[in-house]
Each structure stands twice: as C-alpha cells, then as structure tokens.
Protein backbone atom coordinates (compact mmCIF):
# COMPACT_ATOMS: atom_id res chain seq x y z
CA UNK A 1 0.17 -0.13 0.04
CA UNK A 2 1.12 3.56 -0.52
CA UNK A 3 1.12 6.28 1.99
CA UNK A 4 -2.00 8.20 0.88
CA UNK A 5 -4.05 4.98 1.11
CA UNK A 6 -2.68 4.37 4.82
CA UNK A 7 -3.68 7.98 5.74
CA UNK A 8 -7.15 7.34 4.10
CA UNK A 9 -7.48 4.33 6.35
CA UNK A 10 -6.80 5.76 9.66
CA UNK A 11 -9.39 7.46 11.77
CA UNK A 12 -9.06 11.22 11.56
CA UNK A 13 -8.08 11.77 15.26
CA UNK A 14 -4.84 9.69 14.87
CA UNK A 15 -2.61 11.65 12.35
CA UNK A 16 -2.41 14.80 14.45
CA UNK A 17 -1.42 12.98 17.56
CA UNK A 18 2.07 13.62 18.74
CA UNK A 19 4.36 10.86 19.56
CA UNK A 20 4.93 10.33 23.18
CA UNK A 21 8.45 11.79 24.06
CA UNK A 22 10.11 8.80 26.00
CA UNK A 23 13.52 10.60 26.04
CA UNK A 24 16.97 9.19 24.91
CA UNK A 25 18.52 5.74 25.89
CA UNK A 26 21.64 5.31 27.48
CA UNK A 27 22.98 3.48 24.57
CA UNK A 28 21.95 5.85 22.04
CA UNK A 29 23.66 8.74 23.96
CA UNK A 30 26.95 6.69 24.32
CA UNK A 31 26.82 6.06 20.56
CA UNK A 32 26.04 9.51 19.51
CA UNK A 33 28.02 11.61 21.73
CA UNK A 34 30.99 9.29 22.66
CA UNK A 35 30.36 9.52 26.25
CA UNK A 36 31.65 6.68 28.49
CA UNK A 37 29.90 7.33 31.79
CA UNK A 38 26.09 8.04 31.69
CA UNK A 39 24.05 9.78 34.38
CA UNK A 40 20.40 8.98 33.54
CA UNK A 41 18.58 11.71 34.93
CA UNK A 42 15.63 12.04 32.44
CA UNK A 43 12.96 9.43 33.32
CA UNK A 44 12.27 9.69 36.97
CA UNK A 45 13.50 6.23 37.74
CA UNK A 46 14.54 5.05 41.23
CA UNK A 47 18.28 4.82 41.12
CA UNK A 48 18.42 2.56 44.14
CA UNK A 49 16.37 0.08 42.16
CA UNK A 50 13.98 -2.50 43.71
CA UNK A 51 14.12 -4.57 46.94
CA UNK A 52 16.47 -7.52 46.91
CA UNK A 53 13.08 -9.54 47.46
CA UNK A 54 12.43 -8.82 43.65
CA UNK A 55 15.75 -10.84 42.76
CA UNK A 56 14.76 -13.78 44.93
CA UNK A 57 11.24 -13.92 43.72
CA UNK A 58 12.33 -14.04 40.04
CA UNK A 59 14.97 -16.75 40.53
CA UNK A 60 14.10 -19.70 38.53
CA UNK A 61 11.02 -18.05 36.77
CA UNK A 62 12.31 -18.81 33.39
CA UNK A 63 11.30 -22.37 33.85
CA UNK A 64 7.71 -21.09 34.02
CA UNK A 65 7.34 -18.48 31.35
CA UNK A 66 5.82 -20.92 28.96
CA UNK A 67 2.86 -20.44 30.85
CA UNK A 68 0.34 -17.57 30.49
CA UNK A 69 0.16 -15.36 33.57
CA UNK A 70 -2.89 -14.90 35.69
CA UNK A 71 -5.03 -12.73 33.58
CA UNK A 72 -6.70 -11.11 36.74
CA UNK A 73 -3.51 -10.59 38.71
CA UNK A 74 -5.34 -11.98 41.63
CA UNK A 75 -2.53 -12.27 44.16
CA UNK A 76 -1.15 -8.98 43.31
CA UNK A 77 -4.74 -7.16 43.58
CA UNK A 78 -5.48 -8.93 46.81
CA UNK A 79 -2.40 -7.75 48.25
CA UNK A 80 -2.87 -4.07 47.19
CA UNK A 81 -6.56 -4.14 48.27
CA UNK A 82 -5.71 -5.42 51.65
CA UNK A 83 -3.16 -2.48 52.45
CA UNK A 84 -5.24 0.15 50.81
CA UNK A 85 -8.34 -1.00 52.69
CA UNK A 86 -10.64 -1.78 49.72
CA UNK A 87 -12.02 -4.75 48.25
CA UNK A 88 -9.94 -6.72 45.62
CA UNK A 89 -12.71 -5.86 43.01
CA UNK A 90 -11.83 -2.37 43.23
CA UNK A 91 -8.21 -2.76 42.02
CA UNK A 92 -7.28 -2.84 38.36
CA UNK A 93 -3.85 -3.65 37.26
CA UNK A 94 -2.03 -2.19 33.96
CA UNK A 95 0.92 -2.50 31.87
CA UNK A 96 2.22 0.75 33.71
CA UNK A 97 -0.40 3.24 35.04
CA UNK A 98 -0.73 4.65 31.61
CA UNK A 99 -2.14 1.49 30.34
CA UNK A 100 -5.06 2.35 32.66
CA UNK A 101 -5.26 5.61 31.51
CA UNK A 102 -5.77 4.26 27.98
CA UNK A 103 -8.56 1.82 29.27
CA UNK A 104 -10.44 4.71 30.78
CA UNK A 105 -10.32 6.62 27.51
CA UNK A 106 -11.31 3.61 25.50
CA UNK A 107 -14.20 2.70 27.84
CA UNK A 108 -15.68 6.16 28.47
CA UNK A 109 -14.76 8.67 25.91
CA UNK A 110 -16.20 9.39 22.54
CA UNK A 111 -16.25 12.38 19.91
CA UNK A 112 -17.34 15.44 21.80
CA UNK A 113 -16.81 14.51 25.37
CA UNK A 114 -14.91 17.00 27.39
CA UNK A 115 -11.89 16.27 29.45
CA UNK A 116 -10.04 18.50 31.84
CA UNK A 117 -6.51 18.34 32.37
CA UNK A 118 -3.23 20.47 33.16
CA UNK A 119 -0.28 21.94 30.91
CA UNK A 120 2.56 21.14 31.10
CA UNK A 121 1.48 17.78 32.09
CA UNK A 122 2.04 14.00 31.53
CA UNK A 123 1.43 13.80 27.63
CA UNK A 124 -0.75 10.95 27.87
CA UNK A 125 -3.55 12.97 29.57
CA UNK A 126 -3.93 14.83 26.35
CA UNK A 127 -2.89 12.23 23.75
CA UNK A 128 -5.28 9.40 24.99
CA UNK A 129 -8.71 11.58 24.93
CA UNK A 130 -7.69 13.21 21.72
CA UNK A 131 -7.23 9.68 20.26
CA UNK A 132 -10.94 9.16 20.96
CA UNK A 133 -12.17 12.34 19.54
CA UNK A 134 -12.70 14.06 22.98
CA UNK A 135 -12.39 17.91 23.53
CA UNK A 136 -9.94 18.93 26.04
CA UNK A 137 -9.83 21.95 28.38
CA UNK A 138 -6.27 22.42 29.36
CA UNK A 139 -5.41 24.68 32.49
CA UNK A 140 -2.48 26.73 32.92
CA UNK A 141 -0.07 27.01 35.93
CA UNK A 142 0.26 30.25 37.88
CA UNK A 143 3.50 32.43 37.55
CA UNK A 144 4.81 30.57 40.50
CA UNK A 145 4.63 27.36 38.81
CA UNK A 146 1.93 26.14 41.10
CA UNK A 147 -1.66 24.86 40.17
CA UNK A 148 -4.37 27.43 39.86
CA UNK A 149 -6.75 26.29 42.30
CA UNK A 150 -9.29 28.90 41.57
CA UNK A 151 -9.14 28.03 37.67
CA UNK A 152 -9.54 24.29 38.51
CA UNK A 153 -12.48 24.80 40.60
CA UNK A 154 -14.32 26.98 37.87
CA UNK A 155 -13.33 24.36 35.21
CA UNK A 156 -14.54 21.38 37.33
CA UNK A 157 -17.81 23.12 37.82
CA UNK A 158 -18.63 23.14 34.26
CA UNK A 159 -18.76 19.31 34.38
CA UNK A 160 -16.30 17.59 32.29
CA UNK A 161 -16.79 13.81 31.81
CA UNK A 162 -13.51 13.27 33.05
CA UNK A 163 -10.80 15.19 34.97
CA UNK A 164 -7.23 14.18 35.02
CA UNK A 165 -5.65 15.53 38.12
CA UNK A 166 -2.12 14.70 38.44
CA UNK A 167 -0.95 15.17 42.02
CA UNK A 168 1.63 16.02 42.33
CA UNK A 169 2.31 17.20 38.79
CA UNK A 170 4.50 15.60 36.35
CA UNK A 171 6.80 17.49 35.02
CA UNK A 172 6.33 20.35 37.33
CA UNK A 173 6.53 18.67 40.75
CA UNK A 174 3.64 21.00 42.38
CA UNK A 175 1.02 19.58 44.49
CA UNK A 176 -2.49 20.10 45.83
CA UNK A 177 -2.49 20.02 49.44
CA UNK A 178 -5.28 18.62 51.65
CA UNK A 179 -7.28 21.88 51.89
CA UNK A 180 -7.13 22.40 48.32
CA UNK A 181 -8.16 18.87 47.49
CA UNK A 182 -11.14 19.37 49.44
CA UNK A 183 -12.13 22.37 47.46
CA UNK A 184 -11.73 20.37 44.19
CA UNK A 185 -14.02 17.79 45.51
CA UNK A 186 -16.55 20.33 46.39
CA UNK A 187 -16.27 22.05 43.02
CA UNK A 188 -16.81 18.83 41.16
CA UNK A 189 -20.31 17.64 39.86
CA UNK A 190 -21.38 14.18 40.64
CA UNK A 191 -21.28 12.99 37.04
CA UNK A 192 -17.60 13.75 36.51
CA UNK A 193 -15.08 10.90 36.85
CA UNK A 194 -12.17 12.07 38.78
CA UNK A 195 -8.71 10.45 37.86
CA UNK A 196 -6.31 11.17 40.55
CA UNK A 197 -3.08 10.19 39.03
CA UNK A 198 -0.67 9.60 42.05
CA UNK A 199 2.30 8.21 40.12
CA UNK A 200 4.58 10.16 42.56
CA UNK A 201 2.66 9.09 45.84
CA UNK A 202 5.40 7.51 47.64
CA UNK A 203 7.40 10.64 47.47
CA UNK A 204 4.76 13.19 47.71
CA UNK A 205 3.42 11.58 51.00
CA UNK A 206 6.53 12.88 52.80
CA UNK A 207 5.61 16.33 51.80
CA UNK A 208 3.62 18.05 54.80
CA UNK A 209 -0.13 18.63 53.91
CA UNK A 210 -0.02 16.02 50.99
CA UNK A 211 -3.86 14.82 51.10
CA UNK A 212 -4.96 11.20 51.49
CA UNK A 213 -6.94 10.99 48.56
CA UNK A 214 -8.27 7.48 49.08
CA UNK A 215 -9.59 8.51 52.65
CA UNK A 216 -11.16 11.68 51.24
CA UNK A 217 -12.76 9.89 48.26
CA UNK A 218 -13.76 6.66 50.24
CA UNK A 219 -17.17 7.82 51.27
CA UNK A 220 -17.93 9.99 48.15
CA UNK A 221 -20.91 8.87 46.03
CA UNK A 222 -19.21 10.22 42.70
CA UNK A 223 -17.08 7.99 40.52
CA UNK A 224 -13.36 8.14 40.90
CA UNK A 225 -10.00 6.10 40.43
CA UNK A 226 -6.72 6.72 42.01
CA UNK A 227 -3.77 5.76 39.80
CA UNK A 228 -0.33 4.72 41.27
CA UNK A 229 2.56 2.75 39.80
CA UNK A 230 5.52 0.33 40.78
CA UNK A 231 7.75 2.28 38.29
CA UNK A 232 8.80 4.98 40.66
CA UNK A 233 9.18 4.57 44.44
CA UNK A 234 9.06 0.68 43.94
CA UNK A 235 11.86 0.59 41.34
CA UNK A 236 10.15 -1.59 38.77
CA UNK A 237 10.01 0.91 35.88
CA UNK A 238 11.33 -1.88 33.34
CA UNK A 239 8.69 -4.18 34.11
CA UNK A 240 5.61 -2.02 33.56
CA UNK A 241 3.21 -2.21 36.51
CA UNK A 242 0.60 0.24 37.47
CA UNK A 243 -2.63 -0.04 39.55
CA UNK A 244 -5.73 1.84 40.06
CA UNK A 245 -8.11 1.89 42.82
CA UNK A 246 -11.66 2.41 41.86
CA UNK A 247 -14.81 4.08 43.54
CA UNK A 248 -16.47 0.70 42.96
CA UNK A 249 -16.01 -2.69 41.13
CA UNK A 250 -18.44 -1.66 38.35
CA UNK A 251 -15.73 0.80 37.00
CA UNK A 252 -13.17 -2.05 37.17
CA UNK A 253 -15.54 -4.40 35.28
CA UNK A 254 -15.89 -1.84 32.53
CA UNK A 255 -12.20 -1.54 32.37
CA UNK A 256 -11.92 -5.20 31.91
CA UNK A 257 -14.03 -4.99 28.68
CA UNK A 258 -11.31 -3.05 26.81
CA UNK A 259 -8.05 -4.20 28.44
CA UNK A 260 -5.80 -6.69 26.77
CA UNK A 261 -6.44 -10.30 28.33
CA UNK A 262 -2.89 -10.63 30.01
CA UNK A 263 -1.91 -6.92 30.15
CA UNK A 264 0.46 -7.61 33.21
CA UNK A 265 2.89 -10.22 32.53
CA UNK A 266 3.94 -13.21 34.76
CA UNK A 267 7.41 -11.56 35.60
CA UNK A 268 5.91 -8.20 36.38
CA UNK A 269 3.34 -9.67 38.72
CA UNK A 270 5.85 -11.61 40.61
CA UNK A 271 8.16 -8.74 41.09
CA UNK A 272 5.45 -6.26 41.96
CA UNK A 273 4.23 -8.72 44.73
CA UNK A 274 7.77 -9.21 46.00
CA UNK A 275 8.28 -5.54 45.99
CA UNK A 276 5.14 -4.88 47.65
CA UNK A 277 6.05 -7.29 50.53
CA UNK A 278 9.17 -5.13 51.21
CA UNK A 279 7.67 -1.54 51.99
CA UNK A 280 10.57 -1.08 54.40
CA UNK A 281 13.23 -1.03 51.47
CA UNK A 282 11.24 1.21 49.33
CA UNK A 283 10.52 3.63 52.00
CA UNK A 284 14.49 3.94 52.69
CA UNK A 285 14.99 4.65 49.05
CA UNK A 286 12.23 7.28 48.88
CA UNK A 287 13.54 9.09 51.74
CA UNK A 288 16.98 9.15 50.64
CA UNK A 289 15.88 10.51 47.40
CA UNK A 290 13.88 13.43 48.92
CA UNK A 291 17.03 14.04 50.98
CA UNK A 292 19.22 14.38 47.83
CA UNK A 293 16.43 16.27 46.04
CA UNK A 294 16.72 18.93 48.63
CA UNK A 295 20.42 18.84 48.50
CA UNK A 296 20.43 19.45 44.99
CA UNK A 297 17.72 22.28 45.09
CA UNK A 298 20.18 23.98 47.67
CA UNK A 299 23.16 23.54 45.32
CA UNK A 300 21.22 25.09 42.34
CA UNK A 301 20.07 28.01 44.41
CA UNK A 302 23.21 28.83 45.96
CA UNK A 303 25.21 31.74 44.77
CA UNK A 304 27.33 31.19 41.45
CA UNK A 305 24.44 29.51 39.61
CA UNK A 306 22.45 32.79 38.38
CA UNK A 307 19.37 32.91 36.57
CA UNK A 308 17.47 29.74 37.54
CA UNK A 309 13.90 29.32 38.46
CA UNK A 310 12.90 26.15 40.02
CA UNK A 311 9.32 24.83 40.56
CA UNK A 312 8.47 23.59 44.12
CA UNK A 313 8.66 19.68 43.85
CA UNK A 314 6.87 16.88 46.14
CA UNK A 315 8.54 14.27 43.77
CA UNK A 316 11.79 12.89 42.64
CA UNK A 317 12.59 15.54 40.10
CA UNK A 318 13.12 19.06 39.83
CA UNK A 319 11.55 21.42 36.86
CA UNK A 320 14.01 24.08 36.19
CA UNK A 321 13.73 27.02 34.09
CA UNK A 322 17.16 28.04 32.66
CA UNK A 323 16.25 31.32 31.57
CA UNK A 324 17.28 30.57 28.07
CA UNK A 325 16.42 27.95 25.43
CA UNK A 326 17.02 24.56 26.72
CA UNK A 327 18.08 22.97 23.51
CA UNK A 328 21.89 24.14 23.46
CA UNK A 329 22.10 23.34 27.43
CA UNK A 330 20.75 19.84 26.82
CA UNK A 331 23.17 19.29 23.95
CA UNK A 332 26.04 20.34 26.18
CA UNK A 333 24.82 18.02 29.04
CA UNK A 334 24.45 15.03 26.48
CA UNK A 335 28.04 15.66 25.45
CA UNK A 336 29.03 15.09 29.07
CA UNK A 337 26.90 11.87 29.21
CA UNK A 338 24.17 13.35 31.44
CA UNK A 339 20.65 12.73 30.28
CA UNK A 340 17.97 15.14 31.33
CA UNK A 341 14.45 15.83 29.69
CA UNK A 342 14.21 19.24 27.83
CA UNK A 343 10.67 20.39 27.86
CA UNK A 344 9.28 21.00 24.28
CA UNK A 345 5.67 22.42 24.86
CA UNK A 346 5.18 25.95 23.77
CA UNK A 347 6.01 28.34 26.51
CA UNK A 348 8.40 26.06 28.21
CA UNK A 349 11.22 25.70 25.89
CA UNK A 350 13.42 27.14 28.56
CA UNK A 351 12.74 24.32 31.04
CA UNK A 352 14.41 20.93 31.94
CA UNK A 353 13.23 18.41 34.07
CA UNK A 354 16.00 16.70 35.97
CA UNK A 355 15.42 13.20 37.88
CA UNK A 356 17.25 12.69 41.24
CA UNK A 357 19.72 10.08 41.06
CA UNK A 358 22.57 8.91 43.15
CA UNK A 359 24.74 11.37 44.81
CA UNK A 360 27.58 11.14 42.27
CA UNK A 361 25.21 11.56 39.33
CA UNK A 362 23.62 14.48 41.07
CA UNK A 363 26.84 16.05 41.71
CA UNK A 364 27.97 15.62 38.10
CA UNK A 365 24.78 17.38 36.77
CA UNK A 366 25.25 20.37 39.23
CA UNK A 367 28.79 20.89 38.28
CA UNK A 368 28.05 20.58 34.45
CA UNK A 369 25.35 22.98 34.65
CA UNK A 370 27.49 25.39 36.47
CA UNK A 371 30.12 25.19 33.94
CA UNK A 372 27.46 25.37 30.78
CA UNK A 373 25.80 28.36 32.44
CA UNK A 374 28.84 30.17 33.09
C-alpha cells in the first residue's frame, strides 16, 4: 500500500497525535556523543532499584514463562487491596498506569466528550483523550509554577466527563494540599469521573499537607479512580506495572472489557508482589531520594548559579527554568553523558526536568550545569 492509502484508512483523530516523548536511551547517548559515563536523570527512575526480594522472587522464573500469567493478577490485586483498605474488586492492574489511562479513555470517551487536564502535564493525559475524539480543556500554571486552584474549581464546575488531576504534577512537581483537594471535590459535579494520578505518591506523602486521596474519596458517592505505579518509588520501571483503586467494582469491570487479556505479564506480577512485601526497602530509598532532592535544590539556588527558577517539588525530580533556550544546554549536558529531559511544549522551551539520581550523578549534573551556564 502507498502512504496516501494508509492515511485514508486512519481514523481522523490519529495522524495529528504527537508521539510520546520517552527520551533518549543510555546506549543512544553513548553512541551518538561518545560518552563513556552516563548519568540517567531524565525518566524519574528510582536509582536505588527494587528490593532484593524481587531478585529472589524471580530466580528460576524462566522455567515457568511458557505458561500464561494470571489474567486477573489475583494475588497482586488482593495484596494491594488489603493494604489500601478496599475490596479486591476495586483494584485494576495495568502495563504501567498509562495502560489504565488508555483503558479509561477507550471505555468512557467518544467524540465531543470533554476532558479537563493541566499543561504542562503528562502527555498521555492529552494524547489518549484526543485519540478518542474528545475535546480538552487545558489549564495553565500560575506564574509561581503552582496549580491555579481557582481555575481548577471553575473548570470542574462546568462538568467535564473526566478530569485528570495529577497530584503531584509531572513535569512540574507542584501539588494540591489537603485543603485544596477538599475544594476540588466540592467543586466537582457528581457526574464527573475524577482520575487522580498519583504516580509519585510514595515521594509526595513525605511532603507536609499532601492529601490522603483515598480517605477523602472513600465515602464519596461520585465515580473516581486513584492511579499509582510500581515504576517510581518501587523501582520496577522496566517491568511496567501500575494499579488503580476505583470507587466501585463496576468501574473495574468496565475497564476489563477493553483491556488486553494478559496486560500484566508473569514476571511483572511476581516482581511487584515481592516489592510490595518489602515496603521498608522502598521507604528507605524514597526518603534518601527526597533528602538528595533538597540537597540538589540547595546547590542550584546557591550563589554562583544565576538565573535559575525552580518549581516546588513533592516528587523525585526538579523542573528548572534555565532562563534561556533549553536545546543548547541539553546538548552540552548530553556531550558530558548527562541525560535530562528538555521540555518542548510551547511556552516551556527554557525548562528542563532533571530526575534525582545517586549522589555522584547529581553532583555531575550540578557541576556540569554550572559550567555550561557560566
């Protein structure tokens, strides 16, 4: 087939969609820039990795991978439900939490439906709804790089079908505190599905004032779902496991209609279950990351690093306004083997997002940025 025919076959919503910007791999940077030492500070990974219990759980698993996994992820769903104080039927698993985002859009959205989200934000909060032909209301940050609570309440009151609320924000790092979260709930009509994306929950809960979304939503009669992931704090980014806790089992059953039958593979289920059983290890890694984040923040705000504006962060990354185009700075960092994420959305071309890594990687980044900025 020739290209024009392919375009004619495509749904009209698909060709305009932007590809998701997943960033550069270590191998590509080594090959392209000749770097021999790589600091991966672009994808918000946990540099401490998963619990040693994961390695033990996966030992010998190669002898069983000829069998299909449990399509329902029963053991993992039960373990998550028990700790979170919900019924197992309220838990849905995904190939990363973005898989659950896609399920929600496939199951609930059609042309003309309205979706509320934030910009800059997680790209799939826009891409998946647009894929289904939905219309988006996209809110801006305040000049202080915080959520605009009044604008959110006004937009929620208009009754979108779905509201994607990333708390805390990716890529910015800001958060709605408990009082602000109460205002959001009060402003939201009963017919709006609230999707609370807590991908950075394990880090954010160490920030004073971070809301307990499950507790706040538990007695609400409205539909809601809280999304979390094993990719960040739990250190399983390479295995792609996310989960959602829904207002009731009916929503999960609806998502089951559109998910692929074995969307979380056997290795991922076993690893997530083992990691979940070692909350102490995860907690240590998260607390150390938050300590290092504050150390990096202090270094970047010290005399001698002029012109930087840094958003408040309740996550494992910093969103930094360089005060100049981010492209040349990013290229200079890549030449030193340091991978960060330059932001490309209109109005944010001077920003980079840098993940907090191990102490040595953080130090390489700070020293390199000082040199590059002069």
